[in-house]
Amino acid sequence: MRSSTPENRGEQAACAVDVQMMVTVRHQTAMVMTHKGSMLRWNQL
C-alpha cells in the first residue's frame, strides 16, 4: 500500500469535478447561443 493512494483519489475526484464543470459551461453556452439565435429569428420576423 503506497501513501499516494489518497492523493490519486483526490486528483481523480478533482478531474471529475472539472469535467462536470466543463460540461455544464458548454451546455449553458449552447443554451445561450440557441436562445440568441431564436431571438434573432423573432426579430427578423
C-alpha atoms as a PDB file:
ATOM      1  CA  MET A   1       0.000   0.000   0.000  1.00  0.00           C
ATOM      2  CA  ARG A   2       1.508   3.290  -1.053  1.00  0.00           C
ATOM      3  CA  SER A   3       0.774   6.531   0.774  1.00  0.00           C
ATOM      4  CA  SER A   4      -0.004   8.275  -2.548  1.00  0.00           C
ATOM      5  CA  THR A   5      -3.337   6.469  -2.926  1.00  0.00           C
ATOM      6  CA  PRO A   6      -5.450   9.169  -1.213  1.00  0.00           C
ATOM      7  CA  GLU A   7      -3.747  11.841  -3.316  1.00  0.00           C
ATOM      8  CA  ASN A   8      -4.536   9.927  -6.504  1.00  0.00           C
ATOM      9  CA  ARG A   9      -8.139   9.596  -5.398  1.00  0.00           C
ATOM     10  CA  GLY A  10      -8.285  13.330  -4.741  1.00  0.00           C
ATOM     11  CA  GLU A  11      -6.864  14.031  -8.189  1.00  0.00           C
ATOM     12  CA  GLN A  12      -9.445  11.740  -9.791  1.00  0.00           C
ATOM     13  CA  ALA A  13     -12.240  13.480  -7.872  1.00  0.00           C
ATOM     14  CA  ALA A  14     -10.929  16.892  -8.947  1.00  0.00           C
ATOM     15  CA  CYS A  15     -10.790  15.686 -12.563  1.00  0.00           C
ATOM     16  CA  ALA A  16     -14.413  14.505 -12.331  1.00  0.00           C
ATOM     17  CA  VAL A  17     -15.460  17.891 -10.941  1.00  0.00           C
ATOM     18  CA  ASP A  18     -13.558  19.695 -13.709  1.00  0.00           C
ATOM     19  CA  VAL A  19     -15.247  17.543 -16.346  1.00  0.00           C
ATOM     20  CA  GLN A  20     -18.674  18.247 -14.849  1.00  0.00           C
ATOM     21  CA  MET A  21     -17.921  21.975 -14.805  1.00  0.00           C
ATOM     22  CA  MET A  22     -16.781  21.858 -18.443  1.00  0.00           C
ATOM     23  CA  VAL A  23     -19.968  20.035 -19.477  1.00  0.00           C
ATOM     24  CA  THR A  24     -22.216  22.449 -17.576  1.00  0.00           C
ATOM     25  CA  VAL A  25     -20.464  25.510 -19.003  1.00  0.00           C
ATOM     26  CA  ARG A  26     -20.674  24.103 -22.533  1.00  0.00           C
ATOM     27  CA  HIS A  27     -24.353  23.276 -22.018  1.00  0.00           C
ATOM     28  CA  GLN A  28     -25.060  26.776 -20.705  1.00  0.00           C
ATOM     29  CA  THR A  29     -23.222  28.420 -23.606  1.00  0.00           C
ATOM     30  CA  ALA A  30     -25.126  26.223 -26.072  1.00  0.00           C
ATOM     31  CA  MET A  31     -28.406  27.234 -24.417  1.00  0.00           C
ATOM     32  CA  VAL A  32     -27.454  30.930 -24.608  1.00  0.00           C
ATOM     33  CA  MET A  33     -26.374  30.583 -28.246  1.00  0.00           C
ATOM     34  CA  THR A  34     -29.647  28.891 -29.246  1.00  0.00           C
ATOM     35  CA  HIS A  35     -31.594  31.486 -27.240  1.00  0.00           C
ATOM     36  CA  LYS A  36     -29.805  34.319 -29.046  1.00  0.00           C
ATOM     37  CA  GLY A  37     -30.446  32.575 -32.375  1.00  0.00           C
ATOM     38  CA  SER A  38     -34.178  32.264 -31.666  1.00  0.00           C
ATOM     39  CA  MET A  39     -34.284  35.909 -30.546  1.00  0.00           C
ATOM     40  CA  LEU A  40     -32.617  36.958 -33.818  1.00  0.00           C
ATOM     41  CA  ARG A  41     -35.148  34.889 -35.758  1.00  0.00           C
ATOM     42  CA  TRP A  42     -38.037  36.548 -33.931  1.00  0.00           C
ATOM     43  CA  ASN A  43     -36.534  39.991 -34.604  1.00  0.00           C
ATOM     44  CA  GLN A  44     -36.198  39.145 -38.304  1.00  0.00           C
ATOM     45  CA  LEU A  45     -39.866  38.136 -38.415  1.00  0.00           C
END
